[in-house]
Amino acid sequence: MYSLRYGTVPIVRAVGGLDDSIRDFEPATLDGNGFKFHEYSAERLLEKFYEALMIYYDQDVWRQLQINGMREDLSWDRSASRYREAYQQIIAKHRGAH
């Protein structure tokens, strides 16, 4: 996740926090902040590597991908706020049921 802040584009397997934090890049919409694959295999990793390499050759698109990553807010403040919201929803739902 630190790599995003410095413009290093990640290629990750979709597990744990990486699955939550990395959004697979879509060249058509310029949305996403990295390259993510699900299946645990060398073939899937190589596919994503080649996909990233093809995007890298279009420097304008690659730069947008880097910017997307650098703009991500993966701070603990954001995470804590999301936890607080989830807890408040649970409490409100529980109170409404009684």
N, C-alpha and C. Protein backbone atom coordinates (compact mmCIF):
# COMPACT_ATOMS: atom_id res chain seq x y z
N MET A 1 0.82 -1.19 0.00
CA MET A 1 0.00 0.00 0.00
C MET A 1 0.87 1.26 0.00
N TYR A 2 2.07 1.13 0.58
CA TYR A 2 2.98 2.27 0.53
C TYR A 2 3.36 2.61 -0.91
N SER A 3 3.44 1.58 -1.73
CA SER A 3 3.86 1.82 -3.11
C SER A 3 2.90 2.77 -3.83
N LEU A 4 1.61 2.69 -3.51
CA LEU A 4 0.64 3.58 -4.16
C LEU A 4 1.02 5.04 -3.93
N ARG A 5 1.40 5.36 -2.71
CA ARG A 5 1.70 6.73 -2.34
C ARG A 5 2.85 7.31 -3.17
N TYR A 6 3.75 6.43 -3.60
CA TYR A 6 4.94 6.88 -4.34
C TYR A 6 4.84 6.65 -5.83
N GLY A 7 3.66 6.27 -6.31
CA GLY A 7 3.45 6.13 -7.75
C GLY A 7 3.93 4.81 -8.33
N THR A 8 4.23 3.86 -7.46
CA THR A 8 4.62 2.52 -7.92
C THR A 8 3.36 1.69 -8.07
N VAL A 9 3.10 1.23 -9.27
CA VAL A 9 1.86 0.52 -9.55
C VAL A 9 1.97 -0.93 -9.10
N PRO A 10 1.08 -1.39 -8.22
CA PRO A 10 1.17 -2.76 -7.71
C PRO A 10 0.50 -3.79 -8.63
N ILE A 11 1.08 -4.98 -8.63
CA ILE A 11 0.46 -6.17 -9.21
C ILE A 11 0.29 -7.12 -8.04
N VAL A 12 -0.95 -7.42 -7.68
CA VAL A 12 -1.21 -8.19 -6.46
C VAL A 12 -2.21 -9.32 -6.69
N ARG A 13 -2.13 -10.30 -5.82
CA ARG A 13 -3.16 -11.32 -5.75
C ARG A 13 -4.25 -10.81 -4.82
N ALA A 14 -5.49 -11.03 -5.18
CA ALA A 14 -6.64 -10.49 -4.45
C ALA A 14 -6.88 -11.25 -3.16
N VAL A 15 -6.09 -10.92 -2.14
CA VAL A 15 -6.25 -11.54 -0.83
C VAL A 15 -6.18 -10.45 0.24
N GLY A 16 -6.91 -10.66 1.34
CA GLY A 16 -6.83 -9.77 2.49
C GLY A 16 -6.98 -8.30 2.16
N GLY A 17 -6.12 -7.51 2.77
CA GLY A 17 -6.17 -6.06 2.60
C GLY A 17 -5.88 -5.62 1.18
N LEU A 18 -5.11 -6.42 0.45
CA LEU A 18 -4.82 -6.06 -0.94
C LEU A 18 -6.09 -6.12 -1.79
N ASP A 19 -6.93 -7.10 -1.51
CA ASP A 19 -8.18 -7.20 -2.25
C ASP A 19 -9.07 -5.99 -1.97
N ASP A 20 -9.02 -5.49 -0.73
CA ASP A 20 -9.82 -4.32 -0.36
C ASP A 20 -9.24 -3.02 -0.92
N SER A 21 -7.94 -2.94 -1.01
CA SER A 21 -7.26 -1.68 -1.32
C SER A 21 -6.96 -1.47 -2.79
N ILE A 22 -6.72 -2.54 -3.51
CA ILE A 22 -6.32 -2.41 -4.91
C ILE A 22 -7.53 -2.66 -5.80
N ARG A 23 -7.78 -1.70 -6.69
CA ARG A 23 -8.85 -1.83 -7.68
C ARG A 23 -8.21 -2.07 -9.03
N ASP A 24 -8.61 -3.16 -9.69
CA ASP A 24 -8.02 -3.52 -10.98
C ASP A 24 -8.23 -2.40 -11.98
N PHE A 25 -7.17 -2.02 -12.67
CA PHE A 25 -7.22 -0.89 -13.60
C PHE A 25 -8.01 -1.22 -14.85
N GLU A 26 -8.87 -0.29 -15.25
CA GLU A 26 -9.67 -0.41 -16.47
C GLU A 26 -9.22 0.69 -17.44
N PRO A 27 -8.47 0.36 -18.48
CA PRO A 27 -7.96 1.39 -19.40
C PRO A 27 -9.06 2.21 -20.08
N ALA A 28 -10.21 1.59 -20.34
CA ALA A 28 -11.29 2.31 -21.03
C ALA A 28 -11.83 3.47 -20.20
N THR A 29 -11.88 3.29 -18.87
CA THR A 29 -12.44 4.32 -18.00
C THR A 29 -11.37 5.05 -17.19
N LEU A 30 -10.14 4.53 -17.25
CA LEU A 30 -9.01 5.06 -16.46
C LEU A 30 -9.28 4.94 -14.96
N ASP A 31 -10.10 3.97 -14.58
CA ASP A 31 -10.42 3.74 -13.17
C ASP A 31 -9.58 2.59 -12.65
N GLY A 32 -9.20 2.67 -11.40
CA GLY A 32 -8.41 1.63 -10.76
C GLY A 32 -7.06 2.16 -10.33
N ASN A 33 -6.37 1.37 -9.51
CA ASN A 33 -5.10 1.85 -8.98
C ASN A 33 -4.00 0.79 -9.04
N GLY A 34 -4.25 -0.31 -9.73
CA GLY A 34 -3.24 -1.34 -9.84
C GLY A 34 -3.76 -2.50 -10.67
N PHE A 35 -3.07 -3.62 -10.56
CA PHE A 35 -3.44 -4.82 -11.29
C PHE A 35 -3.64 -5.94 -10.28
N LYS A 36 -4.79 -6.58 -10.37
CA LYS A 36 -5.17 -7.57 -9.37
C LYS A 36 -5.64 -8.84 -10.06
N PHE A 37 -5.19 -9.99 -9.55
CA PHE A 37 -5.65 -11.27 -10.05
C PHE A 37 -6.11 -12.12 -8.88
N HIS A 38 -6.99 -13.08 -9.14
CA HIS A 38 -7.59 -13.86 -8.08
C HIS A 38 -6.99 -15.27 -7.94
N GLU A 39 -6.85 -15.93 -9.04
CA GLU A 39 -6.39 -17.33 -9.00
C GLU A 39 -4.92 -17.41 -8.60
N TYR A 40 -4.60 -18.32 -7.71
CA TYR A 40 -3.22 -18.53 -7.26
C TYR A 40 -2.48 -19.37 -8.30
N SER A 41 -1.92 -18.68 -9.31
CA SER A 41 -1.18 -19.40 -10.34
C SER A 41 -0.19 -18.47 -11.02
N ALA A 42 0.88 -19.07 -11.50
CA ALA A 42 1.89 -18.30 -12.22
C ALA A 42 1.31 -17.73 -13.51
N GLU A 43 0.40 -18.46 -14.13
CA GLU A 43 -0.20 -17.99 -15.38
C GLU A 43 -0.98 -16.69 -15.17
N ARG A 44 -1.77 -16.61 -14.09
CA ARG A 44 -2.55 -15.40 -13.82
C ARG A 44 -1.62 -14.23 -13.52
N LEU A 45 -0.55 -14.49 -12.77
CA LEU A 45 0.43 -13.44 -12.47
C LEU A 45 1.07 -12.94 -13.76
N LEU A 46 1.47 -13.85 -14.63
CA LEU A 46 2.08 -13.45 -15.90
C LEU A 46 1.11 -12.65 -16.77
N GLU A 47 -0.16 -13.06 -16.79
CA GLU A 47 -1.17 -12.32 -17.54
C GLU A 47 -1.23 -10.87 -17.06
N LYS A 48 -1.27 -10.69 -15.73
CA LYS A 48 -1.35 -9.33 -15.19
C LYS A 48 -0.07 -8.55 -15.46
N PHE A 49 1.06 -9.25 -15.42
CA PHE A 49 2.33 -8.60 -15.72
C PHE A 49 2.32 -8.07 -17.14
N TYR A 50 1.89 -8.89 -18.11
CA TYR A 50 1.83 -8.45 -19.50
C TYR A 50 0.80 -7.34 -19.70
N GLU A 51 -0.31 -7.44 -19.00
CA GLU A 51 -1.33 -6.37 -19.06
C GLU A 51 -0.72 -5.05 -18.57
N ALA A 52 0.00 -5.11 -17.47
CA ALA A 52 0.65 -3.90 -16.94
C ALA A 52 1.68 -3.37 -17.92
N LEU A 53 2.42 -4.26 -18.53
CA LEU A 53 3.45 -3.84 -19.49
C LEU A 53 2.82 -3.13 -20.68
N MET A 54 1.70 -3.62 -21.16
CA MET A 54 1.02 -2.97 -22.30
C MET A 54 0.55 -1.56 -21.91
N ILE A 55 0.04 -1.42 -20.71
CA ILE A 55 -0.40 -0.10 -20.24
C ILE A 55 0.81 0.82 -20.08
N TYR A 56 1.92 0.27 -19.60
CA TYR A 56 3.13 1.06 -19.38
C TYR A 56 3.60 1.75 -20.66
N TYR A 57 3.41 1.11 -21.80
CA TYR A 57 3.85 1.70 -23.07
C TYR A 57 3.03 2.92 -23.47
N ASP A 58 1.84 3.08 -22.92
CA ASP A 58 1.05 4.30 -23.15
C ASP A 58 1.28 5.20 -21.95
N GLN A 59 2.28 6.06 -22.04
CA GLN A 59 2.72 6.83 -20.89
C GLN A 59 1.65 7.74 -20.30
N ASP A 60 0.73 8.27 -21.11
CA ASP A 60 -0.35 9.10 -20.57
C ASP A 60 -1.29 8.27 -19.69
N VAL A 61 -1.63 7.09 -20.16
CA VAL A 61 -2.51 6.22 -19.39
C VAL A 61 -1.79 5.73 -18.13
N TRP A 62 -0.51 5.36 -18.28
CA TRP A 62 0.27 4.91 -17.13
C TRP A 62 0.35 6.00 -16.07
N ARG A 63 0.56 7.23 -16.50
CA ARG A 63 0.65 8.34 -15.55
C ARG A 63 -0.66 8.50 -14.79
N GLN A 64 -1.79 8.35 -15.49
CA GLN A 64 -3.09 8.45 -14.82
C GLN A 64 -3.24 7.34 -13.79
N LEU A 65 -2.78 6.15 -14.13
CA LEU A 65 -2.81 5.03 -13.19
C LEU A 65 -1.98 5.35 -11.95
N GLN A 66 -0.81 5.93 -12.14
CA GLN A 66 0.02 6.33 -11.00
C GLN A 66 -0.69 7.37 -10.14
N ILE A 67 -1.29 8.35 -10.79
CA ILE A 67 -2.01 9.41 -10.06
C ILE A 67 -3.17 8.81 -9.27
N ASN A 68 -3.90 7.88 -9.88
CA ASN A 68 -5.00 7.23 -9.17
C ASN A 68 -4.50 6.63 -7.86
N GLY A 69 -3.37 5.94 -7.92
CA GLY A 69 -2.82 5.32 -6.72
C GLY A 69 -2.37 6.34 -5.70
N MET A 70 -1.73 7.40 -6.16
CA MET A 70 -1.21 8.42 -5.23
C MET A 70 -2.34 9.18 -4.54
N ARG A 71 -3.51 9.20 -5.15
CA ARG A 71 -4.65 9.91 -4.55
C ARG A 71 -5.45 9.06 -3.55
N GLU A 72 -5.14 7.79 -3.46
CA GLU A 72 -5.87 6.91 -2.54
C GLU A 72 -5.67 7.34 -1.09
N ASP A 73 -6.75 7.29 -0.33
CA ASP A 73 -6.68 7.56 1.10
C ASP A 73 -6.79 6.22 1.83
N LEU A 74 -5.64 5.67 2.18
CA LEU A 74 -5.60 4.39 2.88
C LEU A 74 -5.15 4.59 4.33
N SER A 75 -5.44 5.76 4.85
CA SER A 75 -5.00 6.11 6.20
C SER A 75 -5.83 5.39 7.25
N TRP A 76 -5.29 5.36 8.48
CA TRP A 76 -6.02 4.79 9.60
C TRP A 76 -7.22 5.66 9.96
N ASP A 77 -7.12 6.97 9.71
CA ASP A 77 -8.27 7.84 9.97
C ASP A 77 -9.47 7.40 9.14
N ARG A 78 -9.25 7.11 7.88
CA ARG A 78 -10.33 6.67 7.01
C ARG A 78 -10.86 5.32 7.48
N SER A 79 -9.95 4.39 7.79
CA SER A 79 -10.39 3.07 8.25
C SER A 79 -11.18 3.17 9.54
N ALA A 80 -10.70 3.97 10.49
CA ALA A 80 -11.39 4.13 11.77
C ALA A 80 -12.78 4.72 11.56
N SER A 81 -12.88 5.66 10.65
CA SER A 81 -14.18 6.28 10.36
C SER A 81 -15.15 5.24 9.79
N ARG A 82 -14.67 4.39 8.92
CA ARG A 82 -15.52 3.35 8.34
C ARG A 82 -15.96 2.34 9.39
N TYR A 83 -15.06 1.99 10.31
CA TYR A 83 -15.44 1.09 11.41
C TYR A 83 -16.50 1.73 12.28
N ARG A 84 -16.31 3.01 12.60
CA ARG A 84 -17.28 3.72 13.44
C ARG A 84 -18.65 3.72 12.76
N GLU A 85 -18.69 3.99 11.47
CA GLU A 85 -19.96 3.98 10.74
C GLU A 85 -20.62 2.60 10.79
N ALA A 86 -19.81 1.56 10.62
CA ALA A 86 -20.36 0.19 10.66
C ALA A 86 -20.94 -0.11 12.04
N TYR A 87 -20.20 0.26 13.09
CA TYR A 87 -20.70 0.01 14.45
C TYR A 87 -21.98 0.80 14.72
N GLN A 88 -22.04 2.03 14.25
CA GLN A 88 -23.23 2.85 14.46
C GLN A 88 -24.43 2.24 13.74
N GLN A 89 -24.22 1.68 12.57
CA GLN A 89 -25.32 1.02 11.85
C GLN A 89 -25.80 -0.22 12.60
N ILE A 90 -24.87 -0.97 13.13
CA ILE A 90 -25.23 -2.17 13.90
C ILE A 90 -26.03 -1.79 15.14
N ILE A 91 -25.57 -0.76 15.85
CA ILE A 91 -26.27 -0.31 17.06
C ILE A 91 -27.66 0.19 16.70
N ALA A 92 -27.78 0.98 15.65
CA ALA A 92 -29.09 1.50 15.24
C ALA A 92 -30.03 0.36 14.85
N LYS A 93 -29.49 -0.61 14.15
CA LYS A 93 -30.32 -1.77 13.74
C LYS A 93 -30.76 -2.56 14.97
N HIS A 94 -29.85 -2.73 15.92
CA HIS A 94 -30.17 -3.47 17.13
C HIS A 94 -31.23 -2.73 17.95
N ARG A 95 -31.10 -1.44 18.07
CA ARG A 95 -32.08 -0.64 18.83
C ARG A 95 -33.44 -0.66 18.17
N GLY A 96 -33.45 -0.66 16.84
CA GLY A 96 -34.71 -0.70 16.09
C GLY A 96 -35.42 -2.02 16.23
N ALA A 97 -34.68 -3.07 16.52
CA ALA A 97 -35.27 -4.41 16.64
C ALA A 97 -35.90 -4.62 18.02
N HIS A 98 -35.58 -3.72 18.98
CA HIS A 98 -36.10 -3.91 20.34
C HIS A 98 -37.15 -2.90 20.66
